Amino acid sequence: MSDDWRPGLARATGPVYLAIADAIAADLDSGRLAAGARLPPQRTLAQRLGIDFTTVSRAYAEARRRGLVEGRVGQGTYVRSAEPPAPRAGPVDLSMNLPPHFEDAALTARLWREAGELQATGLDLLLRYQEAGGALADREAGALWLKDRLPDLDPERVTVCPGAQSALLAVIGTLAAPGDVICAETLTYPGLKALAAQLRVTLIGLAMDAEGILPEAFDAACREHPVKALCCTPTLQNPTTATMSLARRQALAAIARAHAVPIVEDDAYGLLPQDSPPPLAALAPDLTFHIAGLAKHVSPALRIAYLVAPDSRSGGKVRAAIRATAAMASPLTAAVATRWITGGAAHQVRDAIRAEARARQRLAARLLPARSFAAHPDGFHLWLTLPAGWTRGEFALQLRASGLGVVVSDAFATAPGPPEAVRVGLGGPASRAQIERALTAIADTLDGAPLMTSAAV
């Protein structure tokens, strides 16, 4: 099964070179091509298929780019091993909150294939600007992506943004002026803290429990200050992993309505749990700016988020802010997102990320001390509370000496006196083996006593 290999192209659509690369991936997945098999020489395959040599050359180059084959000088082109290389020992970064790598070669090949198919759209996608809110097809894809969270969403209400951070900047910039007050969790996403500092708005942290923001804390803040917005992440909150119950969401929505305070809902993780309460945008659509990015569900590289504003007037203000700061979301990346969403690949990726997150959470539950951390089975970060005797700084320094990076609570704090806790990201390391080694090291560190890591004596 090597030099006599012939790709099945009878049902292929699109460029022939992509079809040949797809056939290599499919035959490797099915076992028709064995790992290490030698492929036919490029001229031989071109003659066999009755196509140009350059087409086969492009096909083999595409297969190399996907990691399916490798060229050996003087020997030809060989199928690479299906097994991923063993991870090398070394530093393990648990500080970034990234979606974990999943092992599905066919899905990976599909993502690259469908991205490549966009070339059939011609030069308009590459040489034309679009409206700040996104092309209609991309807004329709956004509505489709949000269908489970916001049923019957009109695409006209969707704004395509160049990432969730850009959407947050645009929304808060339209709601608050320098010196104004906005509220958020007392432990919140560092990007929101940076954004508030950039806009020179005052960020007030609200007390939390295991479900997130306490309604009485929000109500008290609204009575004491002219609050311009409530910013929160109701599902899989970053960093605490808290998820608000339906009753908690309803209570916060009622308080926001009573004080006429807009809600900025960062639903960064909302589609990860298989079952979660409806978003605030479904409970208070007239008050809520709903932001749903693709970074945690599909790919951080896309830098695409979908914003649903309460009404056309506020949506127009947000689009004007995007036009002033970023001009528009990249039409190319928006088109990739649309292709993956409408074809179903994005949902497959979300499911694969969820499955891998669950596997890594099971490792954490097995390796870390019971009741030492908060987590969600479908999420990919932990909130680790340190035992007595540890300070967050000493714990992070000791882990760093072991080649592990975590984020201390100070990065998330909106008020003095953050807890002795750290966030642990499970998605950054490429393999479960790396995660297992890292979690074992964390457990061993927790089991010991703080070492003298400071240079002061």
Protein backbone atom coordinates (compact mmCIF):
# COMPACT_ATOMS: atom_id res chain seq x y z
CA MET A 1 0.00 0.00 0.00
CA SER A 2 2.54 2.58 -1.11
CA ASP A 3 3.76 3.19 -4.66
CA ASP A 4 0.52 1.79 -6.09
CA TRP A 5 -1.66 4.16 -4.05
CA ARG A 6 -4.32 6.04 -6.01
CA PRO A 7 -6.60 8.66 -4.40
CA GLY A 8 -10.33 8.39 -4.90
CA LEU A 9 -11.36 11.61 -6.64
CA ALA A 10 -14.64 10.61 -8.27
CA ARG A 11 -16.79 12.55 -5.79
CA ALA A 12 -14.32 15.33 -5.09
CA THR A 13 -15.40 18.95 -5.38
CA GLY A 14 -13.18 22.00 -5.42
CA PRO A 15 -9.48 22.15 -6.30
CA VAL A 16 -7.91 18.79 -7.22
CA TYR A 17 -4.80 19.37 -5.09
CA LEU A 18 -6.99 19.77 -1.98
CA ALA A 19 -8.93 16.64 -2.90
CA ILE A 20 -5.67 14.65 -3.08
CA ALA A 21 -4.56 15.97 0.32
CA ASP A 22 -8.01 15.12 1.74
CA ALA A 23 -7.71 11.61 0.29
CA ILE A 24 -4.38 11.11 2.03
CA ALA A 25 -5.98 12.15 5.34
CA ALA A 26 -9.02 9.93 4.80
CA ASP A 27 -6.99 6.88 3.75
CA LEU A 28 -4.66 7.32 6.70
CA ASP A 29 -7.64 7.54 9.02
CA SER A 30 -9.30 4.44 7.51
CA GLY A 31 -6.11 2.36 7.47
CA ARG A 32 -5.86 2.17 3.68
CA LEU A 33 -2.58 4.07 4.03
CA ALA A 34 -0.31 2.85 6.79
CA ALA A 35 1.91 5.13 8.83
CA GLY A 36 5.36 5.15 7.24
CA ALA A 37 4.09 4.10 3.79
CA ARG A 38 5.85 5.58 0.78
CA LEU A 39 3.60 7.55 -1.57
CA PRO A 40 3.99 7.39 -5.34
CA PRO A 41 6.51 9.82 -6.83
CA GLN A 42 4.83 13.04 -7.88
CA ARG A 43 5.35 12.50 -11.65
CA THR A 44 4.13 8.92 -11.40
CA LEU A 45 0.92 9.97 -9.62
CA ALA A 46 0.37 12.83 -12.08
CA GLN A 47 0.60 10.43 -15.02
CA ARG A 48 -1.62 7.90 -13.26
CA LEU A 49 -4.33 10.52 -12.68
CA GLY A 50 -3.85 12.37 -15.96
CA ILE A 51 -3.20 15.71 -14.28
CA ASP A 52 -0.38 18.27 -14.18
CA PHE A 53 2.73 17.55 -12.16
CA THR A 54 2.32 20.92 -10.39
CA THR A 55 -1.10 19.86 -9.08
CA VAL A 56 0.38 16.79 -7.40
CA SER A 57 3.26 18.89 -6.10
CA ARG A 58 0.78 21.31 -4.50
CA ALA A 59 -1.17 18.37 -3.06
CA TYR A 60 1.90 16.88 -1.39
CA ALA A 61 2.90 20.31 -0.09
CA GLU A 62 -0.59 20.75 1.39
CA ALA A 63 -0.37 17.30 3.00
CA ARG A 64 3.01 18.27 4.50
CA ARG A 65 1.52 21.48 5.87
CA ARG A 66 -1.21 19.45 7.58
CA GLY A 67 1.39 17.16 9.11
CA LEU A 68 0.21 14.11 7.14
CA VAL A 69 3.40 13.37 5.21
CA GLU A 70 7.09 14.11 5.27
CA GLY A 71 9.66 14.39 2.52
CA ARG A 72 12.92 12.45 2.82
CA VAL A 73 15.79 13.71 0.71
CA GLY A 74 16.58 11.25 -2.08
CA GLN A 75 13.91 8.80 -0.90
CA GLY A 76 10.51 10.36 -1.65
CA THR A 77 7.38 11.26 0.31
CA TYR A 78 6.24 9.14 3.25
CA VAL A 79 3.12 9.08 5.40
CA ARG A 80 3.98 10.33 8.86
CA SER A 81 3.29 8.35 11.98
CA ALA A 82 -0.31 8.63 13.20
CA GLU A 83 0.95 8.78 16.78
CA PRO A 84 1.79 12.28 18.04
CA PRO A 85 5.35 12.72 19.22
CA ALA A 86 5.91 12.14 22.90
CA PRO A 87 5.80 15.44 24.78
CA ARG A 88 9.17 16.70 25.89
CA ALA A 89 9.78 17.40 29.52
CA GLY A 90 10.05 21.08 30.28
CA PRO A 91 8.08 24.10 31.52
CA VAL A 92 4.32 23.68 31.52
CA ASP A 93 2.29 26.89 31.19
CA LEU A 94 -0.96 26.73 33.15
CA SER A 95 -1.43 30.49 33.16
CA MET A 96 -3.27 30.92 29.86
CA ASN A 97 -6.95 30.01 29.77
CA LEU A 98 -6.92 28.30 26.38
CA PRO A 99 -9.20 25.59 24.96
CA PRO A 100 -7.39 22.24 25.10
CA HIS A 101 -6.02 20.44 22.06
CA PHE A 102 -8.19 17.54 20.98
CA GLU A 103 -7.01 14.44 19.15
CA ASP A 104 -9.14 14.13 16.00
CA ALA A 105 -7.08 14.12 12.81
CA ALA A 106 -10.15 13.96 10.58
CA LEU A 107 -11.73 17.00 12.23
CA THR A 108 -8.46 18.92 12.06
CA ALA A 109 -8.17 18.10 8.35
CA ARG A 110 -11.76 19.19 7.82
CA LEU A 111 -11.12 22.59 9.42
CA TRP A 112 -8.16 23.26 7.14
CA ARG A 113 -9.99 21.94 4.08
CA GLU A 114 -13.04 24.13 4.65
CA ALA A 115 -10.87 27.19 5.30
CA GLY A 116 -9.10 26.50 1.99
CA GLU A 117 -12.40 26.24 0.13
CA LEU A 118 -12.93 29.98 0.65
CA GLN A 119 -10.63 30.64 -2.29
CA ALA A 120 -13.58 29.80 -4.53
CA THR A 121 -15.23 33.07 -3.44
CA GLY A 122 -12.71 35.06 -5.47
CA LEU A 123 -10.97 38.34 -4.74
CA ASP A 124 -13.89 40.26 -3.23
CA LEU A 125 -13.24 38.61 0.13
CA LEU A 126 -9.62 39.76 0.00
CA LEU A 127 -9.84 43.17 -1.65
CA ARG A 128 -13.03 44.74 -0.26
CA TYR A 129 -14.00 46.38 3.00
CA GLN A 130 -17.23 45.39 4.73
CA GLU A 131 -19.66 47.15 7.01
CA ALA A 132 -18.54 47.48 10.63
CA GLY A 133 -21.34 45.16 11.75
CA GLY A 134 -20.37 42.36 9.37
CA ALA A 135 -21.78 40.93 6.15
CA LEU A 136 -25.30 39.48 6.24
CA ALA A 137 -24.03 35.91 5.81
CA ASP A 138 -21.72 36.34 8.80
CA ARG A 139 -24.49 37.83 10.95
CA GLU A 140 -26.74 34.92 9.98
CA ALA A 141 -24.00 32.52 11.04
CA GLY A 142 -23.78 34.35 14.36
CA ALA A 143 -27.51 33.92 14.90
CA LEU A 144 -27.17 30.23 14.05
CA TRP A 145 -24.28 29.83 16.51
CA LEU A 146 -26.36 31.45 19.27
CA LYS A 147 -29.53 29.52 18.44
CA ASP A 148 -29.36 27.29 21.52
CA ARG A 149 -28.80 30.28 23.81
CA LEU A 150 -30.99 32.86 22.10
CA PRO A 151 -33.66 31.13 19.95
CA ASP A 152 -35.33 33.05 17.11
CA LEU A 153 -32.58 35.67 17.07
CA ASP A 154 -32.92 38.08 14.16
CA PRO A 155 -29.57 38.38 12.31
CA GLU A 156 -30.20 42.12 12.07
CA ARG A 157 -29.55 42.29 15.83
CA VAL A 158 -26.16 40.59 15.49
CA THR A 159 -22.94 42.58 15.16
CA VAL A 160 -19.78 40.76 14.09
CA CYS A 161 -16.88 42.03 16.23
CA PRO A 162 -13.10 41.57 15.99
CA GLY A 163 -12.99 39.51 19.19
CA ALA A 164 -14.75 39.71 22.55
CA GLN A 165 -12.27 42.25 23.96
CA SER A 166 -13.03 44.61 21.09
CA ALA A 167 -16.76 44.11 21.68
CA LEU A 168 -16.35 44.88 25.40
CA LEU A 169 -14.37 48.01 24.57
CA ALA A 170 -17.01 49.20 22.13
CA VAL A 171 -19.95 48.53 24.46
CA ILE A 172 -18.46 49.98 27.64
CA GLY A 173 -17.13 52.94 25.69
CA THR A 174 -20.67 53.77 24.60
CA LEU A 175 -22.16 53.29 28.08
CA ALA A 176 -19.61 55.02 30.32
CA ALA A 177 -17.47 58.14 30.14
CA PRO A 178 -14.23 58.80 32.06
CA GLY A 179 -15.01 58.94 35.77
CA ASP A 180 -18.23 56.94 35.49
CA VAL A 181 -18.83 53.81 37.57
CA ILE A 182 -19.33 50.29 36.27
CA CYS A 183 -19.74 47.16 38.39
CA ALA A 184 -18.27 43.67 37.99
CA GLU A 185 -17.40 40.65 40.09
CA THR A 186 -14.88 41.32 42.85
CA LEU A 187 -12.69 38.78 41.02
CA THR A 188 -13.00 39.40 37.31
CA TYR A 189 -11.44 38.88 33.90
CA PRO A 190 -8.12 40.81 33.74
CA GLY A 191 -9.03 42.15 30.30
CA LEU A 192 -11.97 44.01 31.84
CA LYS A 193 -9.66 45.61 34.41
CA ALA A 194 -7.30 46.73 31.65
CA LEU A 195 -10.18 48.06 29.59
CA ALA A 196 -11.59 50.06 32.51
CA ALA A 197 -8.17 51.60 33.13
CA GLN A 198 -7.85 52.48 29.45
CA LEU A 199 -11.28 54.16 29.39
CA ARG A 200 -10.64 55.73 32.81
CA VAL A 201 -13.87 54.42 34.27
CA THR A 202 -14.17 53.35 37.90
CA LEU A 203 -14.59 49.60 38.33
CA ILE A 204 -16.39 48.54 41.52
CA GLY A 205 -16.08 44.91 42.53
CA LEU A 206 -19.20 43.20 43.88
CA ALA A 207 -19.07 40.53 46.57
CA MET A 208 -19.54 36.97 45.36
CA ASP A 209 -20.47 33.52 46.59
CA ALA A 210 -20.35 30.11 44.90
CA GLU A 211 -22.93 31.30 42.33
CA GLY A 212 -21.28 34.58 41.47
CA ILE A 213 -22.38 38.14 42.23
CA LEU A 214 -24.55 38.62 45.33
CA PRO A 215 -27.77 40.46 44.39
CA GLU A 216 -27.68 42.53 47.58
CA ALA A 217 -24.19 43.74 46.73
CA PHE A 218 -25.34 44.88 43.29
CA ASP A 219 -28.40 46.60 44.74
CA ALA A 220 -26.30 48.41 47.36
CA ALA A 221 -23.86 49.64 44.70
CA CYS A 222 -26.71 50.96 42.58
CA ARG A 223 -28.11 52.85 45.57
CA GLU A 224 -24.73 54.35 46.46
CA HIS A 225 -23.41 55.19 42.97
CA PRO A 226 -24.80 56.22 39.56
CA VAL A 227 -23.83 52.86 38.03
CA LYS A 228 -23.57 52.94 34.24
CA ALA A 229 -23.34 49.19 33.62
CA LEU A 230 -23.07 45.77 35.23
CA CYS A 231 -20.40 43.60 33.57
CA CYS A 232 -20.43 39.92 34.41
CA THR A 233 -19.78 36.37 33.21
CA PRO A 234 -22.73 34.29 34.50
CA THR A 235 -21.50 30.94 33.15
CA LEU A 236 -18.10 29.43 34.08
CA GLN A 237 -16.93 32.74 35.48
CA ASN A 238 -13.27 33.60 35.05
CA PRO A 239 -11.47 32.94 37.39
CA THR A 240 -13.76 31.34 40.00
CA THR A 241 -15.67 28.95 37.61
CA ALA A 242 -18.94 30.04 39.32
CA THR A 243 -22.15 29.56 37.33
CA MET A 244 -25.24 31.53 38.34
CA SER A 245 -28.48 29.65 38.91
CA LEU A 246 -31.62 30.75 37.11
CA ALA A 247 -32.89 32.35 40.32
CA ARG A 248 -29.65 34.34 40.72
CA ARG A 249 -29.85 35.56 37.12
CA GLN A 250 -33.47 36.59 37.55
CA ALA A 251 -32.62 38.48 40.75
CA LEU A 252 -29.78 40.43 39.10
CA ALA A 253 -31.95 41.21 36.07
CA ALA A 254 -34.72 42.54 38.34
CA ILE A 255 -32.28 44.81 40.19
CA ALA A 256 -30.81 46.07 36.92
CA ARG A 257 -34.30 46.88 35.67
CA ALA A 258 -35.26 48.63 38.90
CA HIS A 259 -32.22 50.91 38.66
CA ALA A 260 -32.23 51.16 34.83
CA VAL A 261 -28.69 49.76 34.63
CA PRO A 262 -27.59 48.10 31.36
CA ILE A 263 -26.04 44.63 31.61
CA VAL A 264 -22.92 43.64 29.67
CA GLU A 265 -22.98 39.83 29.57
CA ASP A 266 -19.67 38.25 28.62
CA ASP A 267 -20.80 34.76 27.62
CA ALA A 268 -17.28 33.57 26.82
CA TYR A 269 -17.96 30.02 28.04
CA GLY A 270 -21.74 29.84 27.69
CA LEU A 271 -21.86 27.08 25.07
CA LEU A 272 -19.39 24.76 26.82
CA PRO A 273 -21.74 23.27 29.45
CA GLN A 274 -24.22 20.79 28.03
CA ASP A 275 -26.84 22.22 30.36
CA SER A 276 -26.83 25.74 31.78
CA PRO A 277 -29.47 28.36 32.67
CA PRO A 278 -30.56 30.80 29.96
CA PRO A 279 -28.36 33.85 29.46
CA LEU A 280 -29.26 37.21 30.93
CA ALA A 281 -29.99 38.36 27.39
CA ALA A 282 -32.92 35.92 27.31
CA LEU A 283 -34.21 37.11 30.70
CA ALA A 284 -33.71 40.85 30.15
CA PRO A 285 -33.27 41.40 26.39
CA ASP A 286 -34.18 45.09 26.71
CA LEU A 287 -31.21 45.72 29.04
CA THR A 288 -28.51 43.29 27.98
CA PHE A 289 -25.56 43.52 25.63
CA HIS A 290 -24.73 39.85 25.00
CA ILE A 291 -21.17 39.07 23.84
CA ALA A 292 -20.37 35.55 22.63
CA GLY A 293 -16.81 35.02 21.42
CA LEU A 294 -15.48 31.97 19.57
CA ALA A 295 -12.11 31.93 21.37
CA LYS A 296 -13.09 29.42 24.07
CA HIS A 297 -15.41 27.29 21.95
CA VAL A 298 -13.68 27.06 18.57
CA SER A 299 -10.40 28.95 18.14
CA PRO A 300 -8.66 31.90 19.82
CA ALA A 301 -6.99 32.58 16.46
CA LEU A 302 -10.23 33.62 14.76
CA ARG A 303 -10.72 36.78 16.86
CA ILE A 304 -14.45 36.77 16.11
CA ALA A 305 -17.26 37.52 18.56
CA TYR A 306 -20.99 38.06 18.09
CA LEU A 307 -22.69 40.92 19.90
CA VAL A 308 -26.45 41.17 20.44
CA ALA A 309 -27.53 44.64 21.57
CA PRO A 310 -30.83 45.49 23.29
CA ASP A 311 -32.12 47.53 20.34
CA SER A 312 -31.09 48.94 16.97
CA ARG A 313 -30.10 52.33 18.40
CA SER A 314 -27.63 50.90 20.91
CA GLY A 315 -26.42 48.42 18.31
CA GLY A 316 -25.71 51.30 15.95
CA LYS A 317 -23.63 53.06 18.59
CA VAL A 318 -21.56 49.94 19.13
CA ARG A 319 -20.95 49.53 15.40
CA ALA A 320 -19.86 53.17 15.22
CA ALA A 321 -17.38 52.52 18.05
CA ILE A 322 -16.02 49.46 16.23
CA ARG A 323 -15.68 51.49 13.05
CA ALA A 324 -13.71 54.14 14.95
CA THR A 325 -11.34 51.72 16.68
CA ALA A 326 -10.94 48.66 14.44
CA ALA A 327 -12.87 49.57 11.25
CA MET A 328 -14.41 46.08 11.08
CA ALA A 329 -13.92 42.47 11.95
CA SER A 330 -11.59 40.76 9.48
CA PRO A 331 -13.82 39.59 6.60
CA LEU A 332 -11.49 36.65 6.00
CA THR A 333 -11.65 35.31 9.56
CA ALA A 334 -15.37 36.04 9.74
CA ALA A 335 -15.83 34.00 6.56
CA VAL A 336 -13.84 31.11 8.06
CA ALA A 337 -16.06 31.22 11.15
CA THR A 338 -19.18 31.31 8.98
CA ARG A 339 -18.00 28.33 6.93
CA TRP A 340 -17.28 26.29 10.06
CA ILE A 341 -20.56 27.24 11.74
CA THR A 342 -22.88 26.69 8.79
CA GLY A 343 -21.18 23.42 7.85
CA GLY A 344 -21.26 22.07 11.40
CA ALA A 345 -17.51 21.87 11.98
CA ALA A 346 -17.60 24.57 14.69
CA HIS A 347 -20.08 22.55 16.71
CA GLN A 348 -17.89 19.47 16.32
CA VAL A 349 -14.90 21.42 17.59
CA ARG A 350 -16.92 22.72 20.55
CA ASP A 351 -17.93 19.14 21.40
CA ALA A 352 -14.32 17.91 21.04
CA ILE A 353 -13.05 20.70 23.30
CA ARG A 354 -15.74 19.87 25.85
CA ALA A 355 -14.83 16.17 25.79
CA GLU A 356 -11.13 16.91 26.25
CA ALA A 357 -11.92 19.38 29.05
CA ARG A 358 -13.92 16.70 30.83
CA ALA A 359 -11.03 14.25 30.58
CA ARG A 360 -8.64 16.81 32.05
CA GLN A 361 -11.09 17.71 34.82
CA ARG A 362 -11.26 14.03 35.74
CA LEU A 363 -7.48 14.04 36.09
CA ALA A 364 -7.69 17.07 38.35
CA ALA A 365 -10.37 15.45 40.50
CA ARG A 366 -8.20 12.35 40.87
CA LEU A 367 -4.87 14.06 41.52
CA LEU A 368 -5.64 17.19 43.54
CA PRO A 369 -6.82 17.17 47.16
CA ALA A 370 -10.58 16.91 47.55
CA ARG A 371 -12.41 20.22 48.08
CA SER A 372 -9.23 22.20 47.37
CA PHE A 373 -10.54 23.76 44.17
CA ALA A 374 -13.65 24.94 42.36
CA ALA A 375 -14.30 23.73 38.81
CA HIS A 376 -16.96 22.82 36.29
CA PRO A 377 -16.81 19.43 34.53
CA ASP A 378 -17.15 21.07 31.09
CA GLY A 379 -14.69 23.90 31.73
CA PHE A 380 -10.94 24.03 31.34
CA HIS A 381 -9.76 26.06 34.31
CA LEU A 382 -9.65 25.59 38.09
CA TRP A 383 -9.79 28.00 41.00
CA LEU A 384 -7.42 26.57 43.59
CA THR A 385 -7.77 27.79 47.19
CA LEU A 386 -4.52 27.43 49.13
CA PRO A 387 -4.32 25.75 52.53
CA ALA A 388 -3.24 27.59 55.67
CA GLY A 389 0.45 28.46 55.68
CA TRP A 390 0.65 29.27 51.99
CA THR A 391 0.58 32.70 50.42
CA ARG A 392 -0.36 32.94 46.77
CA GLY A 393 2.97 34.56 45.94
CA GLU A 394 5.06 31.87 47.60
CA PHE A 395 2.97 29.13 46.02
CA ALA A 396 3.36 30.60 42.52
CA LEU A 397 7.11 31.07 43.02
CA GLN A 398 7.57 27.50 44.20
CA LEU A 399 5.62 26.18 41.20
CA ARG A 400 7.67 28.36 38.90
CA ALA A 401 10.81 26.76 40.28
CA SER A 402 9.27 23.45 39.19
CA GLY A 403 8.59 24.78 35.68
CA LEU A 404 4.88 25.50 36.20
CA GLY A 405 3.08 28.79 35.63
CA VAL A 406 -0.23 29.75 37.31
CA VAL A 407 -2.01 33.09 37.85
CA VAL A 408 -2.37 34.51 41.36
CA SER A 409 -5.62 36.10 42.52
CA ASP A 410 -4.19 39.64 42.37
CA ALA A 411 -4.55 39.61 38.58
CA PHE A 412 -8.33 39.32 38.94
CA ALA A 413 -8.98 41.44 42.04
CA THR A 414 -11.02 44.64 41.80
CA ALA A 415 -10.68 45.38 45.53
CA PRO A 416 -7.91 45.14 48.13
CA GLY A 417 -7.26 41.88 49.95
CA PRO A 418 -7.63 39.17 47.28
CA PRO A 419 -7.89 35.59 48.58
CA GLU A 420 -4.98 33.18 48.81
CA ALA A 421 -5.85 31.42 45.58
CA VAL A 422 -4.57 30.82 42.04
CA ARG A 423 -6.13 30.03 38.68
CA VAL A 424 -4.92 26.90 36.94
CA GLY A 425 -5.54 26.60 33.20
CA LEU A 426 -5.88 23.04 31.94
CA GLY A 427 -6.00 23.86 28.23
CA GLY A 428 -2.54 25.23 27.52
CA PRO A 429 -0.50 22.00 27.66
CA ALA A 430 -0.79 20.00 24.45
CA SER A 431 -1.26 16.58 26.04
CA ARG A 432 -2.93 14.89 28.98
CA ALA A 433 0.46 13.48 29.96
CA GLN A 434 1.74 17.03 30.49
CA ILE A 435 -1.36 17.92 32.48
CA GLU A 436 -0.99 14.83 34.66
CA ARG A 437 2.65 15.69 35.42
CA ALA A 438 1.71 19.29 36.21
CA LEU A 439 -1.22 18.38 38.47
CA THR A 440 0.92 15.83 40.29
CA ALA A 441 3.53 18.51 40.91
CA ILE A 442 0.82 20.88 42.22
CA ALA A 443 -0.52 18.17 44.54
CA ASP A 444 2.98 17.45 45.84
CA THR A 445 3.56 21.15 46.46
CA LEU A 446 0.27 21.48 48.35
CA ASP A 447 1.22 18.47 50.43
CA GLY A 448 4.47 20.08 51.53
CA ALA A 449 5.39 23.25 53.35
CA PRO A 450 6.38 26.59 51.81
CA LEU A 451 10.09 26.83 51.07
CA MET A 452 12.16 29.96 51.51
CA THR A 453 11.99 31.27 47.94
CA SER A 454 12.61 34.90 48.79
CA ALA A 455 16.14 36.30 48.62
CA ALA A 456 15.49 38.35 51.79
CA VAL A 457 16.97 36.94 55.00
